[in-house]
Every structure is written in C-alpha cells, then in structure tokens.
Protein backbone atom coordinates (compact mmCIF):
# COMPACT_ATOMS: atom_id res chain seq x y z
CA MET A 1 112.44 -62.92 -88.44
CA TYR A 2 113.34 -59.34 -88.47
CA ARG A 3 116.38 -57.37 -88.63
CA GLY A 4 114.44 -54.18 -88.26
CA ILE A 5 111.06 -53.46 -88.65
CA GLN A 6 109.61 -55.19 -91.67
CA SER A 7 107.29 -58.12 -93.05
CA ASN A 8 107.81 -61.08 -95.59
CA TRP A 9 105.14 -63.69 -94.42
CA TRP A 10 102.02 -64.72 -96.63
CA GLY A 11 98.83 -66.17 -95.61
CA SER A 12 97.71 -69.58 -95.52
CA ARG A 13 95.11 -72.09 -93.84
CA SER A 14 94.51 -75.61 -93.62
CA ARG A 15 92.14 -77.60 -95.85
CA GLY A 16 90.16 -80.82 -95.71
CA SER A 17 87.42 -82.33 -93.90
CA TRP A 18 86.43 -81.43 -90.46
CA ASN A 19 88.13 -83.20 -87.54
CA PRO A 20 88.64 -82.33 -83.71
CA LEU A 21 92.09 -81.27 -84.08
CA GLN A 22 91.57 -78.53 -86.21
CA PRO A 23 93.11 -75.49 -84.74
CA GLU A 24 91.40 -74.55 -81.70
CA PHE A 25 92.35 -72.20 -78.32
CA TYR A 26 92.23 -75.68 -76.04
CA SER A 27 96.10 -76.24 -76.89
CA SER A 28 97.70 -74.80 -73.21
CA GLY A 29 101.50 -74.54 -74.55
CA ILE A 30 100.29 -72.43 -77.70
CA ARG A 31 98.07 -70.15 -75.39
CA VAL A 32 101.14 -69.45 -73.15
CA LEU A 33 103.37 -68.57 -76.38
CA VAL A 34 100.82 -66.36 -77.97
CA ALA A 35 99.65 -64.38 -75.01
CA LEU A 36 103.50 -63.77 -74.09
CA ASN A 37 104.19 -62.33 -77.35
CA VAL A 38 101.04 -60.42 -77.73
CA VAL A 39 101.24 -58.86 -74.30
CA ILE A 40 104.98 -57.75 -74.83
CA TYR A 41 104.40 -56.50 -77.97
CA LEU A 42 101.10 -54.48 -76.99
CA VAL A 43 103.33 -53.32 -73.61
CA MET A 44 106.10 -51.89 -75.88
CA ALA A 45 103.81 -50.60 -78.56
CA LEU A 46 101.69 -48.51 -75.89
CA PHE A 47 104.56 -47.49 -73.39
CA ALA A 48 107.79 -47.70 -75.16
CA GLY A 49 108.61 -44.85 -77.49
CA PRO A 50 111.34 -45.03 -80.27
CA GLN A 51 114.26 -44.66 -78.10
CA MET A 52 113.22 -47.20 -75.74
CA ARG A 53 112.44 -49.69 -78.26
CA TYR A 54 115.77 -49.43 -79.72
CA GLN A 55 117.37 -49.78 -76.28
CA ILE A 56 115.18 -52.68 -75.44
CA PHE A 57 116.03 -54.30 -78.86
CA GLN A 58 119.85 -53.69 -78.08
CA LEU A 59 119.65 -55.19 -74.69
CA PHE A 60 116.95 -58.35 -75.25
CA GLY A 61 117.04 -58.70 -79.12
CA LEU A 62 119.89 -60.70 -80.84
CA VAL A 63 122.79 -58.75 -81.34
CA PRO A 64 125.60 -61.06 -82.21
CA GLN A 65 128.28 -58.39 -81.24
CA HIS A 66 126.67 -58.23 -77.95
CA THR A 67 125.61 -62.05 -77.61
CA TRP A 68 129.31 -62.84 -77.68
CA GLY A 69 131.63 -60.02 -76.96
CA GLN A 70 129.80 -58.59 -73.83
CA LEU A 71 128.32 -62.19 -72.77
CA MET A 72 124.81 -61.20 -73.07
CA ILE A 73 124.19 -64.64 -73.14
CA TRP A 74 120.14 -64.49 -72.59
CA GLN A 75 119.62 -62.98 -76.16
CA PRO A 76 119.21 -66.17 -78.12
CA VAL A 77 116.11 -66.54 -75.73
CA THR A 78 114.49 -63.58 -75.36
CA TYR A 79 114.98 -62.17 -79.22
CA MET A 80 112.14 -64.55 -79.58
CA PHE A 81 109.45 -62.90 -77.89
CA LEU A 82 110.41 -59.19 -79.45
CA HIS A 83 108.58 -58.31 -82.32
CA GLY A 84 109.39 -55.46 -85.14
CA GLY A 85 105.50 -54.51 -85.55
CA PHE A 86 101.90 -55.50 -85.80
CA TRP A 87 101.98 -57.60 -88.65
CA HIS A 88 105.44 -59.44 -87.73
CA VAL A 89 103.88 -60.29 -84.55
CA ALA A 90 100.24 -61.05 -85.80
CA ILE A 91 101.37 -63.46 -88.58
CA ASN A 92 104.09 -65.32 -86.52
CA MET A 93 101.38 -66.23 -83.57
CA PHE A 94 98.55 -66.88 -86.45
CA VAL A 95 100.87 -69.37 -88.29
CA LEU A 96 101.94 -70.97 -84.65
CA TRP A 97 98.21 -71.43 -83.93
CA MET A 98 97.25 -72.50 -87.23
CA PHE A 99 100.07 -75.43 -87.57
CA GLY A 100 101.15 -75.76 -83.78
CA THR A 101 97.86 -76.68 -82.63
CA GLU A 102 97.77 -80.30 -84.24
CA ILE A 103 101.29 -81.02 -83.31
CA GLU A 104 101.17 -80.10 -79.52
CA TYR A 105 97.98 -81.89 -79.34
CA ARG A 106 99.67 -85.32 -80.59
CA TRP A 107 103.08 -84.35 -78.65
CA GLY A 108 102.13 -83.08 -75.40
CA ARG A 109 102.42 -79.39 -74.11
CA ASN A 110 105.88 -80.33 -72.57
CA GLU A 111 107.61 -81.98 -75.87
CA PHE A 112 105.87 -79.24 -78.28
CA LEU A 113 107.80 -76.10 -76.08
CA LYS A 114 110.83 -78.05 -75.83
CA TYR A 115 110.68 -78.29 -79.85
CA TYR A 116 109.72 -74.85 -80.06
CA MET A 117 112.54 -73.59 -77.88
CA VAL A 118 114.94 -75.74 -79.48
CA THR A 119 114.34 -74.43 -83.05
CA GLY A 120 114.22 -70.92 -81.70
CA VAL A 121 117.33 -70.47 -79.87
CA GLY A 122 118.86 -72.70 -81.70
CA SER A 123 118.54 -70.92 -85.08
CA GLY A 124 119.63 -67.65 -82.98
CA LEU A 125 122.92 -69.25 -81.92
CA VAL A 126 123.63 -70.16 -85.68
CA THR A 127 122.51 -66.53 -87.07
CA MET A 128 125.02 -65.13 -84.35
CA LEU A 129 127.87 -67.61 -85.49
CA PHE A 130 127.15 -66.49 -89.23
CA SER A 131 127.31 -62.91 -88.35
CA LEU A 132 129.51 -62.59 -85.39
CA HIS A 133 130.43 -58.39 -85.70
CA SER A 134 126.81 -57.32 -86.54
CA GLN A 135 125.23 -54.94 -84.44
CA VAL A 136 121.91 -55.09 -86.15
CA PRO A 137 119.34 -56.73 -83.75
CA VAL A 138 117.37 -59.73 -84.94
CA VAL A 139 113.67 -60.12 -83.15
CA GLY A 140 111.16 -62.19 -83.82
CA ALA A 141 109.81 -66.25 -83.03
CA SER A 142 110.10 -66.43 -86.89
CA GLY A 143 113.12 -69.07 -86.36
CA ALA A 144 110.81 -71.35 -84.10
CA ILE A 145 107.89 -70.70 -86.67
CA TYR A 146 109.83 -72.25 -89.22
CA GLY A 147 110.58 -75.07 -87.22
CA ILE A 148 106.95 -75.55 -86.53
CA LEU A 149 106.10 -75.62 -90.47
CA LEU A 150 108.85 -78.16 -91.20
CA ALA A 151 107.76 -80.56 -88.30
CA TYR A 152 104.09 -80.20 -89.71
CA GLY A 153 105.22 -80.78 -93.41
CA LEU A 154 107.11 -83.76 -92.08
CA MET A 155 104.32 -85.16 -90.05
CA PHE A 156 101.48 -84.54 -92.61
CA PRO A 157 102.70 -84.22 -95.68
CA GLU A 158 99.60 -84.79 -98.14
CA ARG A 159 97.59 -82.26 -96.39
CA TYR A 160 96.44 -78.97 -98.28
CA VAL A 161 97.35 -75.65 -97.14
CA TYR A 162 95.89 -72.12 -99.16
CA ILE A 163 98.78 -69.65 -100.32
CA TYR A 164 97.02 -66.33 -99.86
CA PHE A 165 93.85 -68.10 -99.04
CA LEU A 166 93.39 -68.85 -102.72
CA ILE A 167 96.11 -71.16 -104.46
CA PRO A 168 96.03 -75.07 -102.99
CA ILE A 169 99.19 -76.91 -102.52
CA LYS A 170 100.31 -80.10 -100.46
CA VAL A 171 101.94 -79.08 -97.33
CA LYS A 172 105.14 -80.84 -98.55
CA TYR A 173 105.40 -78.99 -101.50
CA PHE A 174 104.86 -75.64 -99.48
CA VAL A 175 107.37 -76.35 -96.52
CA ALA A 176 109.91 -77.21 -99.74
CA ILE A 177 109.18 -73.90 -101.23
CA ILE A 178 109.49 -71.69 -98.28
CA GLY A 179 112.77 -73.60 -97.41
CA ALA A 180 114.30 -73.08 -100.76
CA ILE A 181 113.33 -69.25 -100.49
CA ALA A 182 114.79 -69.14 -97.28
CA PHE A 183 118.07 -70.97 -98.68
CA PHE A 184 118.56 -68.65 -101.74
CA SER A 185 117.71 -65.45 -99.88
CA SER A 186 120.19 -66.51 -97.30
CA LEU A 187 123.05 -66.40 -99.93
CA ASN A 188 122.34 -63.04 -100.63
CA ALA A 189 121.01 -61.24 -97.71
CA ALA A 190 123.38 -58.21 -97.58
CA GLY A 191 120.71 -55.18 -96.94
CA SER A 192 118.14 -56.94 -96.23
CA THR A 193 116.21 -56.06 -93.05
CA ILE A 194 114.90 -60.07 -92.71
CA SER A 195 117.10 -62.46 -91.34
CA HIS A 196 116.63 -65.30 -93.94
CA MET A 197 119.94 -67.12 -92.38
CA THR A 198 117.25 -67.38 -89.16
CA HIS A 199 114.49 -69.06 -91.18
CA LEU A 200 116.45 -71.49 -92.42
CA SER A 201 118.55 -72.66 -89.71
CA GLY A 202 115.10 -72.89 -87.84
CA MET A 203 114.07 -75.59 -90.52
CA LEU A 204 117.31 -77.41 -90.59
CA ILE A 205 117.44 -77.52 -86.64
CA GLY A 206 113.76 -78.83 -86.75
CA TRP A 207 114.55 -81.50 -89.42
CA PHE A 208 117.59 -82.89 -87.36
CA TYR A 209 115.95 -82.76 -84.19
CA MET A 210 112.86 -84.76 -85.48
CA LYS A 211 114.86 -87.21 -87.47
CA GLN A 212 116.99 -87.57 -84.55
CA ASP A 213 113.60 -88.56 -82.49
CA TRP A 214 112.76 -90.86 -85.36
CA ARG A 215 116.29 -92.77 -85.34
CA LEU A 216 115.81 -93.03 -81.64
CA ASN A 217 112.38 -94.21 -81.98
CA PHE A 218 113.51 -96.73 -84.43
CA VAL A 219 116.32 -97.83 -82.25
CA LYS A 220 113.93 -98.14 -79.01
CA GLU A 221 111.77 -100.26 -81.65
CA LYS A 222 114.89 -102.74 -82.83
CA LEU A 223 115.54 -102.99 -79.16
CA GLN A 224 112.23 -104.04 -78.09
CA LYS A 225 111.75 -106.42 -80.83
CA ALA A 226 115.27 -108.06 -80.05
CA LYS A 227 114.04 -108.02 -76.49
CA ARG A 228 110.94 -110.02 -77.32
CA HIS A 229 112.55 -112.00 -80.11
CA ASN A 230 115.05 -112.93 -76.86
CA SER A 231 112.49 -113.51 -74.37
CA HIS A 232 110.84 -115.81 -76.94
CA ASN A 233 114.29 -117.88 -77.77
CA THR A 234 114.29 -118.10 -73.72
CA LEU A 235 110.81 -119.40 -73.39
CA LYS A 236 111.34 -121.89 -75.96
CA LYS A 237 114.88 -123.00 -74.31
CA ILE A 238 113.02 -123.19 -71.16
CA GLU A 239 109.92 -125.62 -72.88
CA GLN A 240 112.82 -127.71 -74.23
CA VAL A 241 114.66 -128.16 -71.01
CA GLU A 242 111.43 -128.73 -69.17
CA ARG A 243 110.56 -131.51 -71.98
CA GLU A 244 114.19 -133.12 -71.57
CA ILE A 245 113.66 -133.48 -67.91
CA ARG A 246 110.30 -135.05 -67.93
CA ASP A 247 111.70 -137.62 -70.69
CA PHE A 248 114.90 -137.85 -68.69
CA ARG A 249 112.31 -138.75 -65.38
CA GLU A 250 110.38 -141.24 -67.62
CA GLU A 251 113.38 -142.85 -68.53
CA ILE A 252 114.52 -143.29 -65.20
CA ASP A 253 111.07 -144.60 -63.89
CA ARG A 254 111.22 -147.43 -66.72
CA ILE A 255 114.51 -148.07 -65.95
CA LEU A 256 113.70 -148.68 -62.09
CA ASP A 257 110.71 -150.68 -63.01
CA LYS A 258 112.50 -152.93 -65.07
CA ILE A 259 115.11 -153.44 -62.32
CA ASN A 260 112.12 -154.48 -59.94
CA GLN A 261 111.04 -156.97 -62.65
CA VAL A 262 114.51 -158.46 -64.04
CA GLY A 263 117.16 -157.06 -61.69
CA TYR A 264 120.05 -154.90 -62.11
CA ASP A 265 122.34 -157.30 -64.11
CA ASN A 266 119.84 -157.51 -66.78
CA LEU A 267 119.97 -153.73 -67.66
CA THR A 268 121.94 -152.51 -70.75
CA GLU A 269 125.19 -150.62 -70.40
CA GLU A 270 123.38 -147.75 -71.64
CA GLU A 271 120.69 -147.84 -68.98
CA LYS A 272 122.84 -148.76 -66.00
CA GLU A 273 125.15 -145.21 -67.58
CA MET A 274 121.88 -143.31 -67.42
CA LEU A 275 121.02 -144.50 -63.77
CA PHE A 276 124.24 -143.81 -62.42
CA GLN A 277 124.23 -140.07 -63.64
CA ALA A 278 120.75 -139.70 -62.41
CA SER A 279 122.33 -141.01 -58.76
CA LYS A 280 125.24 -138.70 -59.28
CA HIS A 281 122.81 -135.75 -59.80
CA LEU A 282 120.67 -136.46 -56.81
CA ALA A 283 124.11 -136.87 -54.65
CA ASP A 284 125.20 -133.48 -56.15
CA ASP A 285 121.63 -131.58 -55.10
CA ASP A 286 122.27 -133.57 -51.50
CA THR A 287 125.60 -132.00 -51.14
CA ARG A 288 124.41 -128.34 -52.41
CA LYS A 289 121.59 -128.32 -49.75
CA ASN A 290 123.31 -129.62 -47.06
C-alpha cells in the first residue's frame, strides 16, 4: 500500500512437493483481478501524464479528507485498483497469484472475491478513520493482499516460503513477521510514503473475518450434531412407544383369551383395569373419528 510512489515488498514463493493446487492461471477470480489492475496501470502509464495521474489519485485514490469531507464514498473501493509504479502493481499481483490461487480453489470464486473486497475496503476504511484530515492519496491493493497472506497463513501454517527466494521459512512465521513489521511500522509512520496502517488493518480484518467464519461453522456443526442427537433420541422414543404398544396389545390378547377360557369374573383386578383402559381408549378413538 502506497502513499505516493515507493515500494516495500519482498519476493517469496512456495516450496514443497508438486500438487495440482500449485499456482496456475486457471483461477477465474484472480485472472479478473490481475487483468483489471494491470490494464488500469498500463492505461495510466501510457496515456496519463504526471498532472493527470495526480488528479486521478486525488479523485479515485483514498484521500481521507475527501472521502468523508466531500463524500467521495467510492474511494474505499477504487483506491484498490490504482498503483503508484510498476513494481507496486507487479509485486502485489504476483503475491495475489502466488498465495491466492489455492485459496480461491478451496473457497470458490465468489467467496474468494468477497474476502478480497472485505479486506481491501475494510482496510481502506480503517486507514481513513486513523487519518481523517490527510490529503495524501493512498493507492494499491496491499490491504487485500495482506488479508490474502493472513488467510494463507491460517489455512496452511506448516507450508514453506522462500524470503528473497533464498531463505526458507514456515508460512505461519512468515505471516507473523510481516504482521509485526506492519504493526510496529504503523506506530511510527510519520513521513513514510507507505501506509503500514492499511497493511496491518488488512491482516486484522482478515483474521476477524476468518475466525468469525470458523465460529459460524463451529456453531453450525454443533447445531447439526444436536439435531442428529435429537433425531436419534426421537427415534429411540418412537421405538420405545412402539414396543409398549406391542406389549400392551399382546397383554390384551392374553386377557381376552383368558376370558374365553375361565370367564370375566376370574380375572385379577389388575387385568380388569387394563381391559377397562383398553376399552376406554378404543371408545375415545371412535369418538374422534366420528
């Protein structure tokens, strides 16, 4: 994420045995995002001079004072698709492709794009709230990119990446390190052209988003488990009632057979009461049917 035109990213790539989920250009959501960002950058680089680029950044970049003071409410969305230089857009799109491909494959295009926009727009809004009177445009997709890195770290913590293409490190430590860098840099960002607050908030929003999703899944799993448990209990109760009805009918048949053999007067008081209850139940059924 840039204030002005500078870069502060580093190279990385994944390590491990090959699998069909390695980054490839089959990921439709990422293709759209990469194409959109690259086309916008090329059009500006080829056809917009310095003065026009400045005006575009003021209008469509995230300028906190303009966003809320002049109600340019589109800026928290449009700033994500503007970049300050070749390496800015190139590295952002490279990281998006490298780490986002497998996430999109697992989540699906719509859920992936939703997450990308939530972290990108959300980080822009947080940046605006912490610098309401700033007139410096913030541009770039780095808020969403840091959200993607956070999601990858939570999903695949034991994977390896190469820092500067040389130093292997587990993804969970890599994400923790860049998160710490973003945090401490945001505490002393005076004079910096890089919006560390946007980086940090992109990761925090991603964390809350994914944890909330996991909580919802946990609740859903618990409800489904309770539903299965209740269904099992209900089935057991039905089976128990059916057994009691079957036993009751067998007992009534036995009593009727006894009447035929020895007469009603030779029944026990308990047998007479059971026969009375059975006749009463049949009478109630006939009343309901009529």
